[in-house]
């Protein structure tokens, strides 16, 4: 199965789709896309009911965990796409992020 993937240059700004962040809690707290839904990869099977509706961009730090999530979610019938390069490419492209700590957002 081919994993649907998009490069940061192919992601519109502002985002017209929901975002699912599958990184761990400390990574999320350091910096994430505002409005994203946070479900760590290992919790995904138990939290399908918490997923955003409609097409969803799935992100992690570099794209590996999000690719696993997209593979799994696509098999469950969800319309998902992986962000190649993940949050590192998001930050490098100067896209906005927020943190949970009050400090400047960064990718952990």
PDB file of N, CA and C in Angstrom:
ATOM      1  N   UNK A   1       0.847  -1.187   0.000  1.00  0.00           N
ATOM      2  CA  UNK A   1       0.000   0.000   0.000  1.00  0.00           C
ATOM      3  C   UNK A   1       0.891   1.249   0.000  1.00  0.00           C
ATOM      4  N   UNK A   2       0.598   2.165  -0.898  1.00  0.00           N
ATOM      5  CA  UNK A   2       1.331   3.425  -0.948  1.00  0.00           C
ATOM      6  C   UNK A   2       0.764   4.377   0.097  1.00  0.00           C
ATOM      7  N   UNK A   3       1.648   5.020   0.847  1.00  0.00           N
ATOM      8  CA  UNK A   3       1.221   5.954   1.886  1.00  0.00           C
ATOM      9  C   UNK A   3       1.064   7.336   1.257  1.00  0.00           C
ATOM     10  N   UNK A   4      -0.159   7.912   1.304  1.00  0.00           N
ATOM     11  CA  UNK A   4      -0.353   9.258   0.763  1.00  0.00           C
ATOM     12  C   UNK A   4       0.529  10.251   1.517  1.00  0.00           C
ATOM     13  N   UNK A   5       1.349  10.983   0.779  1.00  0.00           N
ATOM     14  CA  UNK A   5       2.323  11.879   1.394  1.00  0.00           C
ATOM     15  C   UNK A   5       2.348  13.205   0.650  1.00  0.00           C
ATOM     16  N   UNK A   6       2.588  14.286   1.399  1.00  0.00           N
ATOM     17  CA  UNK A   6       2.714  15.613   0.811  1.00  0.00           C
ATOM     18  C   UNK A   6       3.964  16.276   1.384  1.00  0.00           C
ATOM     19  N   UNK A   7       4.675  17.011   0.536  1.00  0.00           N
ATOM     20  CA  UNK A   7       5.823  17.816   0.988  1.00  0.00           C
ATOM     21  C   UNK A   7       5.296  19.127   1.544  1.00  0.00           C
ATOM     22  N   UNK A   8       6.070  19.799   2.369  1.00  0.00           N
ATOM     23  CA  UNK A   8       5.645  21.064   2.970  1.00  0.00           C
ATOM     24  C   UNK A   8       5.291  22.092   1.892  1.00  0.00           C
ATOM     25  N   UNK A   9       5.978  22.052   0.767  1.00  0.00           N
ATOM     26  CA  UNK A   9       5.689  23.006  -0.310  1.00  0.00           C
ATOM     27  C   UNK A   9       4.314  22.779  -0.919  1.00  0.00           C
ATOM     28  N   UNK A  10       3.723  21.612  -0.695  1.00  0.00           N
ATOM     29  CA  UNK A  10       2.401  21.317  -1.211  1.00  0.00           C
ATOM     30  C   UNK A  10       1.285  21.527  -0.209  1.00  0.00           C
ATOM     31  N   UNK A  11       1.627  22.057   0.966  1.00  0.00           N
ATOM     32  CA  UNK A  11       0.637  22.272   2.019  1.00  0.00           C
ATOM     33  C   UNK A  11       0.204  23.734   2.003  1.00  0.00           C
ATOM     34  N   UNK A  12      -1.077  24.001   1.717  1.00  0.00           N
ATOM     35  CA  UNK A  12      -1.553  25.386   1.676  1.00  0.00           C
ATOM     36  C   UNK A  12      -1.425  26.088   3.026  1.00  0.00           C
ATOM     37  N   UNK A  13      -1.310  27.395   2.972  1.00  0.00           N
ATOM     38  CA  UNK A  13      -1.256  28.221   4.180  1.00  0.00           C
ATOM     39  C   UNK A  13      -2.232  29.357   3.980  1.00  0.00           C
ATOM     40  N   UNK A  14      -3.319  29.432   4.739  1.00  0.00           N
ATOM     41  CA  UNK A  14      -3.639  28.587   5.903  1.00  0.00           C
ATOM     42  C   UNK A  14      -4.106  27.191   5.496  1.00  0.00           C
ATOM     43  N   UNK A  15      -4.049  26.305   6.470  1.00  0.00           N
ATOM     44  CA  UNK A  15      -4.411  24.903   6.244  1.00  0.00           C
ATOM     45  C   UNK A  15      -5.913  24.749   6.042  1.00  0.00           C
ATOM     46  N   UNK A  16      -6.310  24.078   4.953  1.00  0.00           N
ATOM     47  CA  UNK A  16      -7.743  23.837   4.727  1.00  0.00           C
ATOM     48  C   UNK A  16      -8.219  22.511   5.315  1.00  0.00           C
ATOM     49  N   UNK A  17      -7.324  21.792   6.003  1.00  0.00           N
ATOM     50  CA  UNK A  17      -7.656  20.472   6.546  1.00  0.00           C
ATOM     51  C   UNK A  17      -7.310  20.406   8.029  1.00  0.00           C
ATOM     52  N   UNK A  18      -7.851  19.391   8.691  1.00  0.00           N
ATOM     53  CA  UNK A  18      -7.515  19.146  10.089  1.00  0.00           C
ATOM     54  C   UNK A  18      -6.092  18.598  10.178  1.00  0.00           C
ATOM     55  N   UNK A  19      -5.494  18.721  11.363  1.00  0.00           N
ATOM     56  CA  UNK A  19      -4.141  18.214  11.599  1.00  0.00           C
ATOM     57  C   UNK A  19      -4.164  17.263  12.795  1.00  0.00           C
ATOM     58  N   UNK A  20      -3.500  16.124  12.637  1.00  0.00           N
ATOM     59  CA  UNK A  20      -3.319  15.160  13.715  1.00  0.00           C
ATOM     60  C   UNK A  20      -1.832  15.047  13.993  1.00  0.00           C
ATOM     61  N   UNK A  21      -1.431  15.326  15.220  1.00  0.00           N
ATOM     62  CA  UNK A  21      -0.031  15.243  15.647  1.00  0.00           C
ATOM     63  C   UNK A  21       0.130  13.981  16.475  1.00  0.00           C
ATOM     64  N   UNK A  22       0.992  13.052  16.019  1.00  0.00           N
ATOM     65  CA  UNK A  22       1.142  11.756  16.694  1.00  0.00           C
ATOM     66  C   UNK A  22       2.422  11.668  17.524  1.00  0.00           C
ATOM     67  N   UNK A  23       3.037  12.819  17.831  1.00  0.00           N
ATOM     68  CA  UNK A  23       4.258  12.813  18.638  1.00  0.00           C
ATOM     69  C   UNK A  23       3.924  12.610  20.111  1.00  0.00           C
ATOM     70  N   UNK A  24       4.969  12.429  20.909  1.00  0.00           N
ATOM     71  CA  UNK A  24       4.814  12.235  22.349  1.00  0.00           C
ATOM     72  C   UNK A  24       4.486  13.553  23.043  1.00  0.00           C
ATOM     73  N   UNK A  25       4.048  13.457  24.304  1.00  0.00           N
ATOM     74  CA  UNK A  25       3.594  14.628  25.052  1.00  0.00           C
ATOM     75  C   UNK A  25       4.641  15.733  25.151  1.00  0.00           C
ATOM     76  N   UNK A  26       5.919  15.370  25.403  1.00  0.00           N
ATOM     77  CA  UNK A  26       6.948  16.400  25.551  1.00  0.00           C
ATOM     78  C   UNK A  26       7.214  17.112  24.224  1.00  0.00           C
ATOM     79  N   UNK A  27       7.130  16.378  23.128  1.00  0.00           N
ATOM     80  CA  UNK A  27       7.324  16.986  21.811  1.00  0.00           C
ATOM     81  C   UNK A  27       6.182  17.952  21.506  1.00  0.00           C
ATOM     82  N   UNK A  28       4.963  17.541  21.816  1.00  0.00           N
ATOM     83  CA  UNK A  28       3.771  18.368  21.611  1.00  0.00           C
ATOM     84  C   UNK A  28       3.878  19.662  22.429  1.00  0.00           C
ATOM     85  N   UNK A  29       4.274  19.528  23.692  1.00  0.00           N
ATOM     86  CA  UNK A  29       4.351  20.693  24.582  1.00  0.00           C
ATOM     87  C   UNK A  29       5.358  21.718  24.075  1.00  0.00           C
ATOM     88  N   UNK A  30       6.460  21.258  23.478  1.00  0.00           N
ATOM     89  CA  UNK A  30       7.507  22.168  23.003  1.00  0.00           C
ATOM     90  C   UNK A  30       7.037  23.016  21.829  1.00  0.00           C
ATOM     91  N   UNK A  31       6.256  22.423  20.935  1.00  0.00           N
ATOM     92  CA  UNK A  31       5.763  23.180  19.792  1.00  0.00           C
ATOM     93  C   UNK A  31       4.930  22.330  18.869  1.00  0.00           C
ATOM     94  N   UNK A  32       3.780  22.878  18.453  1.00  0.00           N
ATOM     95  CA  UNK A  32       2.885  22.160  17.554  1.00  0.00           C
ATOM     96  C   UNK A  32       2.092  23.144  16.707  1.00  0.00           C
ATOM     97  N   UNK A  33       1.396  22.615  15.732  1.00  0.00           N
ATOM     98  CA  UNK A  33       0.555  23.423  14.868  1.00  0.00           C
ATOM     99  C   UNK A  33      -0.709  23.801  15.641  1.00  0.00           C
ATOM    100  N   UNK A  34      -1.013  25.084  15.684  1.00  0.00           N
ATOM    101  CA  UNK A  34      -2.186  25.545  16.416  1.00  0.00           C
ATOM    102  C   UNK A  34      -3.446  24.898  15.852  1.00  0.00           C
ATOM    103  N   UNK A  35      -4.291  24.402  16.752  1.00  0.00           N
ATOM    104  CA  UNK A  35      -5.536  23.772  16.356  1.00  0.00           C
ATOM    105  C   UNK A  35      -5.430  22.291  16.056  1.00  0.00           C
ATOM    106  N   UNK A  36      -4.202  21.747  16.094  1.00  0.00           N
ATOM    107  CA  UNK A  36      -4.011  20.323  15.815  1.00  0.00           C
ATOM    108  C   UNK A  36      -4.607  19.471  16.928  1.00  0.00           C
ATOM    109  N   UNK A  37      -4.983  18.255  16.582  1.00  0.00           N
ATOM    110  CA  UNK A  37      -5.404  17.251  17.556  1.00  0.00           C
ATOM    111  C   UNK A  37      -4.169  16.437  17.922  1.00  0.00           C
ATOM    112  N   UNK A  38      -3.964  16.217  19.224  1.00  0.00           N
ATOM    113  CA  UNK A  38      -2.784  15.477  19.681  1.00  0.00           C
ATOM    114  C   UNK A  38      -3.195  14.098  20.177  1.00  0.00           C
ATOM    115  N   UNK A  39      -2.738  13.072  19.472  1.00  0.00           N
ATOM    116  CA  UNK A  39      -2.919  11.684  19.905  1.00  0.00           C
ATOM    117  C   UNK A  39      -1.601  10.960  19.638  1.00  0.00           C
ATOM    118  N   UNK A  40      -0.813  10.671  20.680  1.00  0.00           N
ATOM    119  CA  UNK A  40       0.441   9.945  20.468  1.00  0.00           C
ATOM    120  C   UNK A  40       0.191   8.638  19.707  1.00  0.00           C
ATOM    121  N   UNK A  41       1.126   8.265  18.853  1.00  0.00           N
ATOM    122  CA  UNK A  41       0.980   7.115  17.963  1.00  0.00           C
ATOM    123  C   UNK A  41       0.502   5.866  18.698  1.00  0.00           C
ATOM    124  N   UNK A  42       1.090   5.567  19.846  1.00  0.00           N
ATOM    125  CA  UNK A  42       0.738   4.332  20.567  1.00  0.00           C
ATOM    126  C   UNK A  42      -0.705   4.343  21.076  1.00  0.00           C
ATOM    127  N   UNK A  43      -1.298   5.532  21.232  1.00  0.00           N
ATOM    128  CA  UNK A  43      -2.673   5.640  21.734  1.00  0.00           C
ATOM    129  C   UNK A  43      -3.708   5.621  20.609  1.00  0.00           C
ATOM    130  N   UNK A  44      -3.250   5.705  19.380  1.00  0.00           N
ATOM    131  CA  UNK A  44      -4.143   5.880  18.237  1.00  0.00           C
ATOM    132  C   UNK A  44      -5.255   4.819  18.149  1.00  0.00           C
ATOM    133  N   UNK A  45      -4.939   3.522  18.227  1.00  0.00           N
ATOM    134  CA  UNK A  45      -6.020   2.531  18.088  1.00  0.00           C
ATOM    135  C   UNK A  45      -7.135   2.698  19.119  1.00  0.00           C
ATOM    136  N   UNK A  46      -6.800   3.121  20.322  1.00  0.00           N
ATOM    137  CA  UNK A  46      -7.793   3.274  21.381  1.00  0.00           C
ATOM    138  C   UNK A  46      -8.543   4.601  21.308  1.00  0.00           C
ATOM    139  N   UNK A  47      -8.058   5.542  20.488  1.00  0.00           N
ATOM    140  CA  UNK A  47      -8.641   6.888  20.477  1.00  0.00           C
ATOM    141  C   UNK A  47      -9.182   7.295  19.105  1.00  0.00           C
ATOM    142  N   UNK A  48      -9.601   6.341  18.304  1.00  0.00           N
ATOM    143  CA  UNK A  48     -10.129   6.660  16.974  1.00  0.00           C
ATOM    144  C   UNK A  48     -11.306   7.633  17.059  1.00  0.00           C
ATOM    145  N   UNK A  49     -12.072   7.556  18.142  1.00  0.00           N
ATOM    146  CA  UNK A  49     -13.211   8.458  18.323  1.00  0.00           C
ATOM    147  C   UNK A  49     -12.813   9.907  18.529  1.00  0.00           C
ATOM    148  N   UNK A  50     -11.542  10.162  18.828  1.00  0.00           N
ATOM    149  CA  UNK A  50     -11.059  11.526  19.057  1.00  0.00           C
ATOM    150  C   UNK A  50     -10.506  12.166  17.784  1.00  0.00           C
ATOM    151  N   UNK A  51     -10.495  11.423  16.677  1.00  0.00           N
ATOM    152  CA  UNK A  51      -9.916  11.942  15.438  1.00  0.00           C
ATOM    153  C   UNK A  51     -10.777  13.051  14.845  1.00  0.00           C
ATOM    154  N   UNK A  52     -10.116  14.036  14.214  1.00  0.00           N
ATOM    155  CA  UNK A  52     -10.884  15.074  13.524  1.00  0.00           C
ATOM    156  C   UNK A  52     -11.622  14.465  12.333  1.00  0.00           C
ATOM    157  N   UNK A  53     -12.704  15.121  11.919  1.00  0.00           N
ATOM    158  CA  UNK A  53     -13.472  14.649  10.773  1.00  0.00           C
ATOM    159  C   UNK A  53     -12.879  15.189   9.485  1.00  0.00           C
ATOM    160  N   UNK A  54     -13.105  14.464   8.394  1.00  0.00           N
ATOM    161  CA  UNK A  54     -12.669  14.920   7.083  1.00  0.00           C
ATOM    162  C   UNK A  54     -11.202  14.640   6.825  1.00  0.00           C
ATOM    163  N   UNK A  55     -10.713  15.209   5.723  1.00  0.00           N
ATOM    164  CA  UNK A  55      -9.314  15.005   5.348  1.00  0.00           C
ATOM    165  C   UNK A  55      -8.403  15.543   6.447  1.00  0.00           C
ATOM    166  N   UNK A  56      -7.369  14.777   6.774  1.00  0.00           N
ATOM    167  CA  UNK A  56      -6.495  15.128   7.891  1.00  0.00           C
ATOM    168  C   UNK A  56      -5.030  14.989   7.492  1.00  0.00           C
ATOM    169  N   UNK A  57      -4.252  16.014   7.811  1.00  0.00           N
ATOM    170  CA  UNK A  57      -2.802  16.003   7.647  1.00  0.00           C
ATOM    171  C   UNK A  57      -2.204  15.424   8.920  1.00  0.00           C
ATOM    172  N   UNK A  58      -1.397  14.378   8.804  1.00  0.00           N
ATOM    173  CA  UNK A  58      -0.817  13.716   9.977  1.00  0.00           C
ATOM    174  C   UNK A  58       0.662  14.076  10.058  1.00  0.00           C
ATOM    175  N   UNK A  59       1.098  14.535  11.254  1.00  0.00           N
ATOM    176  CA  UNK A  59       2.469  14.988  11.431  1.00  0.00           C
ATOM    177  C   UNK A  59       3.133  14.325  12.628  1.00  0.00           C
ATOM    178  N   UNK A  60       4.481  14.209  12.537  1.00  0.00           N
ATOM    179  CA  UNK A  60       5.331  13.844  13.666  1.00  0.00           C
ATOM    180  C   UNK A  60       6.594  14.689  13.517  1.00  0.00           C
ATOM    181  N   UNK A  61       7.709  14.255  14.054  1.00  0.00           N
ATOM    182  CA  UNK A  61       8.916  15.076  13.966  1.00  0.00           C
ATOM    183  C   UNK A  61       9.512  15.075  12.566  1.00  0.00           C
ATOM    184  N   UNK A  62       9.697  13.888  11.954  1.00  0.00           N
ATOM    185  CA  UNK A  62      10.334  13.821  10.630  1.00  0.00           C
ATOM    186  C   UNK A  62       9.501  13.082   9.583  1.00  0.00           C
ATOM    187  N   UNK A  63       8.418  12.432   9.974  1.00  0.00           N
ATOM    188  CA  UNK A  63       7.553  11.770   9.015  1.00  0.00           C
ATOM    189  C   UNK A  63       7.447  10.270   9.145  1.00  0.00           C
ATOM    190  N   UNK A  64       8.242   9.643  10.009  1.00  0.00           N
ATOM    191  CA  UNK A  64       8.199   8.197  10.170  1.00  0.00           C
ATOM    192  C   UNK A  64       6.990   7.706  10.948  1.00  0.00           C
ATOM    193  N   UNK A  65       6.785   8.270  12.122  1.00  0.00           N
ATOM    194  CA  UNK A  65       5.629   7.856  12.937  1.00  0.00           C
ATOM    195  C   UNK A  65       4.324   8.241  12.260  1.00  0.00           C
ATOM    196  N   UNK A  66       4.302   9.423  11.633  1.00  0.00           N
ATOM    197  CA  UNK A  66       3.072   9.837  10.954  1.00  0.00           C
ATOM    198  C   UNK A  66       2.785   8.931   9.762  1.00  0.00           C
ATOM    199  N   UNK A  67       3.816   8.430   9.093  1.00  0.00           N
ATOM    200  CA  UNK A  67       3.604   7.485   7.991  1.00  0.00           C
ATOM    201  C   UNK A  67       2.962   6.207   8.522  1.00  0.00           C
ATOM    202  N   UNK A  68       3.410   5.728   9.683  1.00  0.00           N
ATOM    203  CA  UNK A  68       2.800   4.544  10.301  1.00  0.00           C
ATOM    204  C   UNK A  68       1.332   4.819  10.626  1.00  0.00           C
ATOM    205  N   UNK A  69       1.072   6.024  11.174  1.00  0.00           N
ATOM    206  CA  UNK A  69      -0.300   6.393  11.523  1.00  0.00           C
ATOM    207  C   UNK A  69      -1.180   6.474  10.277  1.00  0.00           C
ATOM    208  N   UNK A  70      -0.665   7.071   9.211  1.00  0.00           N
ATOM    209  CA  UNK A  70      -1.427   7.188   7.969  1.00  0.00           C
ATOM    210  C   UNK A  70      -1.724   5.808   7.402  1.00  0.00           C
ATOM    211  N   UNK A  71      -0.753   4.933   7.413  1.00  0.00           N
ATOM    212  CA  UNK A  71      -0.957   3.566   6.932  1.00  0.00           C
ATOM    213  C   UNK A  71      -2.089   2.890   7.700  1.00  0.00           C
ATOM    214  N   UNK A  72      -2.047   2.980   9.019  1.00  0.00           N
ATOM    215  CA  UNK A  72      -3.068   2.371   9.865  1.00  0.00           C
ATOM    216  C   UNK A  72      -4.437   3.021   9.648  1.00  0.00           C
ATOM    217  N   UNK A  73      -4.480   4.345   9.673  1.00  0.00           N
ATOM    218  CA  UNK A  73      -5.759   5.052   9.571  1.00  0.00           C
ATOM    219  C   UNK A  73      -6.400   4.877   8.198  1.00  0.00           C
ATOM    220  N   UNK A  74      -5.593   4.849   7.151  1.00  0.00           N
ATOM    221  CA  UNK A  74      -6.135   4.633   5.802  1.00  0.00           C
ATOM    222  C   UNK A  74      -6.802   3.262   5.725  1.00  0.00           C
ATOM    223  N   UNK A  75      -6.219   2.267   6.387  1.00  0.00           N
ATOM    224  CA  UNK A  75      -6.808   0.925   6.410  1.00  0.00           C
ATOM    225  C   UNK A  75      -8.142   0.921   7.157  1.00  0.00           C
ATOM    226  N   UNK A  76      -8.308   1.887   8.068  1.00  0.00           N
ATOM    227  CA  UNK A  76      -9.554   1.998   8.833  1.00  0.00           C
ATOM    228  C   UNK A  76     -10.589   2.852   8.088  1.00  0.00           C
ATOM    229  N   UNK A  77     -10.202   3.379   6.922  1.00  0.00           N
ATOM    230  CA  UNK A  77     -11.144   4.155   6.121  1.00  0.00           C
ATOM    231  C   UNK A  77     -11.044   5.662   6.270  1.00  0.00           C
ATOM    232  N   UNK A  78     -10.048   6.142   6.979  1.00  0.00           N
ATOM    233  CA  UNK A  78      -9.880   7.590   7.161  1.00  0.00           C
ATOM    234  C   UNK A  78      -9.163   8.206   5.959  1.00  0.00           C
ATOM    235  N   UNK A  79      -9.496   9.467   5.668  1.00  0.00           N
ATOM    236  CA  UNK A  79      -8.869  10.208   4.579  1.00  0.00           C
ATOM    237  C   UNK A  79      -7.702  10.999   5.175  1.00  0.00           C
ATOM    238  N   UNK A  80      -6.501  10.417   5.103  1.00  0.00           N
ATOM    239  CA  UNK A  80      -5.324  10.973   5.774  1.00  0.00           C
ATOM    240  C   UNK A  80      -4.158  11.090   4.805  1.00  0.00           C
ATOM    241  N   UNK A  81      -3.271  12.046   5.105  1.00  0.00           N
ATOM    242  CA  UNK A  81      -2.060  12.230   4.308  1.00  0.00           C
ATOM    243  C   UNK A  81      -0.905  12.547   5.253  1.00  0.00           C
ATOM    244  N   UNK A  82       0.249  11.989   4.966  1.00  0.00           N
ATOM    245  CA  UNK A  82       1.447  12.164   5.786  1.00  0.00           C
ATOM    246  C   UNK A  82       2.208  13.421   5.351  1.00  0.00           C
ATOM    247  N   UNK A  83       2.724  14.180   6.322  1.00  0.00           N
ATOM    248  CA  UNK A  83       3.585  15.318   6.011  1.00  0.00           C
ATOM    249  C   UNK A  83       5.030  14.834   5.979  1.00  0.00           C
ATOM    250  N   UNK A  84       5.596  14.732   4.768  1.00  0.00           N
ATOM    251  CA  UNK A  84       7.002  14.340   4.620  1.00  0.00           C
ATOM    252  C   UNK A  84       7.876  15.397   5.285  1.00  0.00           C
ATOM    253  N   UNK A  85       8.842  14.956   6.066  1.00  0.00           N
ATOM    254  CA  UNK A  85       9.720  15.906   6.750  1.00  0.00           C
ATOM    255  C   UNK A  85       9.158  16.401   8.065  1.00  0.00           C
ATOM    256  N   UNK A  86       7.890  16.128   8.311  1.00  0.00           N
ATOM    257  CA  UNK A  86       7.262  16.417   9.594  1.00  0.00           C
ATOM    258  C   UNK A  86       7.404  17.840  10.095  1.00  0.00           C
ATOM    259  N   UNK A  87       7.428  17.945  11.418  1.00  0.00           N
ATOM    260  CA  UNK A  87       7.497  19.255  12.065  1.00  0.00           C
ATOM    261  C   UNK A  87       8.835  19.944  11.823  1.00  0.00           C
ATOM    262  N   UNK A  88       9.890  19.182  11.548  1.00  0.00           N
ATOM    263  CA  UNK A  88      11.171  19.812  11.226  1.00  0.00           C
ATOM    264  C   UNK A  88      11.050  20.631   9.947  1.00  0.00           C
ATOM    265  N   UNK A  89      10.414  20.064   8.919  1.00  0.00           N
ATOM    266  CA  UNK A  89      10.211  20.813   7.675  1.00  0.00           C
ATOM    267  C   UNK A  89       9.202  21.937   7.865  1.00  0.00           C
ATOM    268  N   UNK A  90       8.180  21.702   8.698  1.00  0.00           N
ATOM    269  CA  UNK A  90       7.179  22.737   8.996  1.00  0.00           C
ATOM    270  C   UNK A  90       7.894  23.959   9.588  1.00  0.00           C
ATOM    271  N   UNK A  91       8.723  23.735  10.594  1.00  0.00           N
ATOM    272  CA  UNK A  91       9.440  24.833  11.253  1.00  0.00           C
ATOM    273  C   UNK A  91      10.432  25.488  10.300  1.00  0.00           C
ATOM    274  N   UNK A  92      11.148  24.682   9.517  1.00  0.00           N
ATOM    275  CA  UNK A  92      12.140  25.213   8.577  1.00  0.00           C
ATOM    276  C   UNK A  92      11.486  26.104   7.524  1.00  0.00           C
ATOM    277  N   UNK A  93      10.216  25.819   7.206  1.00  0.00           N
ATOM    278  CA  UNK A  93       9.487  26.618   6.223  1.00  0.00           C
ATOM    279  C   UNK A  93       8.912  27.894   6.840  1.00  0.00           C
ATOM    280  N   UNK A  94       9.130  28.072   8.151  1.00  0.00           N
ATOM    281  CA  UNK A  94       8.650  29.274   8.823  1.00  0.00           C
ATOM    282  C   UNK A  94       7.167  29.259   9.118  1.00  0.00           C
ATOM    283  N   UNK A  95       6.572  28.071   9.101  1.00  0.00           N
ATOM    284  CA  UNK A  95       5.138  27.968   9.401  1.00  0.00           C
ATOM    285  C   UNK A  95       4.925  28.178  10.904  1.00  0.00           C
ATOM    286  N   UNK A  96       3.783  28.754  11.298  1.00  0.00           N
ATOM    287  CA  UNK A  96       3.552  29.087  12.709  1.00  0.00           C
ATOM    288  C   UNK A  96       3.356  27.861  13.595  1.00  0.00           C
ATOM    289  N   UNK A  97       3.860  27.991  14.819  1.00  0.00           N
ATOM    290  CA  UNK A  97       3.692  26.957  15.835  1.00  0.00           C
ATOM    291  C   UNK A  97       3.357  27.636  17.162  1.00  0.00           C
ATOM    292  N   UNK A  98       2.769  26.882  18.057  1.00  0.00           N
ATOM    293  CA  UNK A  98       2.491  27.341  19.414  1.00  0.00           C
ATOM    294  C   UNK A  98       3.058  26.307  20.376  1.00  0.00           C
ATOM    295  N   UNK A  99       3.290  26.723  21.622  1.00  0.00           N
ATOM    296  CA  UNK A  99       3.778  25.778  22.637  1.00  0.00           C
ATOM    297  C   UNK A  99       2.787  25.725  23.786  1.00  0.00           C
ATOM    298  N   UNK A 100       2.910  24.706  24.589  1.00  0.00           N
ATOM    299  CA  UNK A 100       2.075  24.556  25.787  1.00  0.00           C
ATOM    300  C   UNK A 100       2.763  25.152  27.009  1.00  0.00           C
ATOM    301  N   UNK A 101       3.994  25.604  26.846  1.00  0.00           N
ATOM    302  CA  UNK A 101       4.793  26.027  27.989  1.00  0.00           C
ATOM    303  C   UNK A 101       4.825  27.540  28.182  1.00  0.00           C
ATOM    304  N   UNK A 102       4.361  28.295  27.188  1.00  0.00           N
ATOM    305  CA  UNK A 102       4.457  29.742  27.253  1.00  0.00           C
ATOM    306  C   UNK A 102       5.753  30.250  26.654  1.00  0.00           C
ATOM    307  N   UNK A 103       6.710  29.344  26.433  1.00  0.00           N
ATOM    308  CA  UNK A 103       7.970  29.712  25.807  1.00  0.00           C
ATOM    309  C   UNK A 103       7.794  29.704  24.285  1.00  0.00           C
ATOM    310  N   UNK A 104       8.801  30.205  23.563  1.00  0.00           N
ATOM    311  CA  UNK A 104       8.747  30.173  22.113  1.00  0.00           C
ATOM    312  C   UNK A 104       8.686  28.717  21.647  1.00  0.00           C
ATOM    313  N   UNK A 105       7.808  28.450  20.688  1.00  0.00           N
ATOM    314  CA  UNK A 105       7.635  27.090  20.193  1.00  0.00           C
ATOM    315  C   UNK A 105       8.851  26.634  19.406  1.00  0.00           C
ATOM    316  N   UNK A 106       9.198  25.361  19.564  1.00  0.00           N
ATOM    317  CA  UNK A 106      10.288  24.756  18.814  1.00  0.00           C
ATOM    318  C   UNK A 106       9.993  23.272  18.633  1.00  0.00           C
ATOM    319  N   UNK A 107      10.715  22.629  17.733  1.00  0.00           N
ATOM    320  CA  UNK A 107      10.531  21.200  17.495  1.00  0.00           C
ATOM    321  C   UNK A 107      11.524  20.429  18.348  1.00  0.00           C
ATOM    322  N   UNK A 108      10.996  19.572  19.210  1.00  0.00           N
ATOM    323  CA  UNK A 108      11.822  18.761  20.110  1.00  0.00           C
ATOM    324  C   UNK A 108      12.121  17.439  19.445  1.00  0.00           C
TER     325      UNK A 108
END
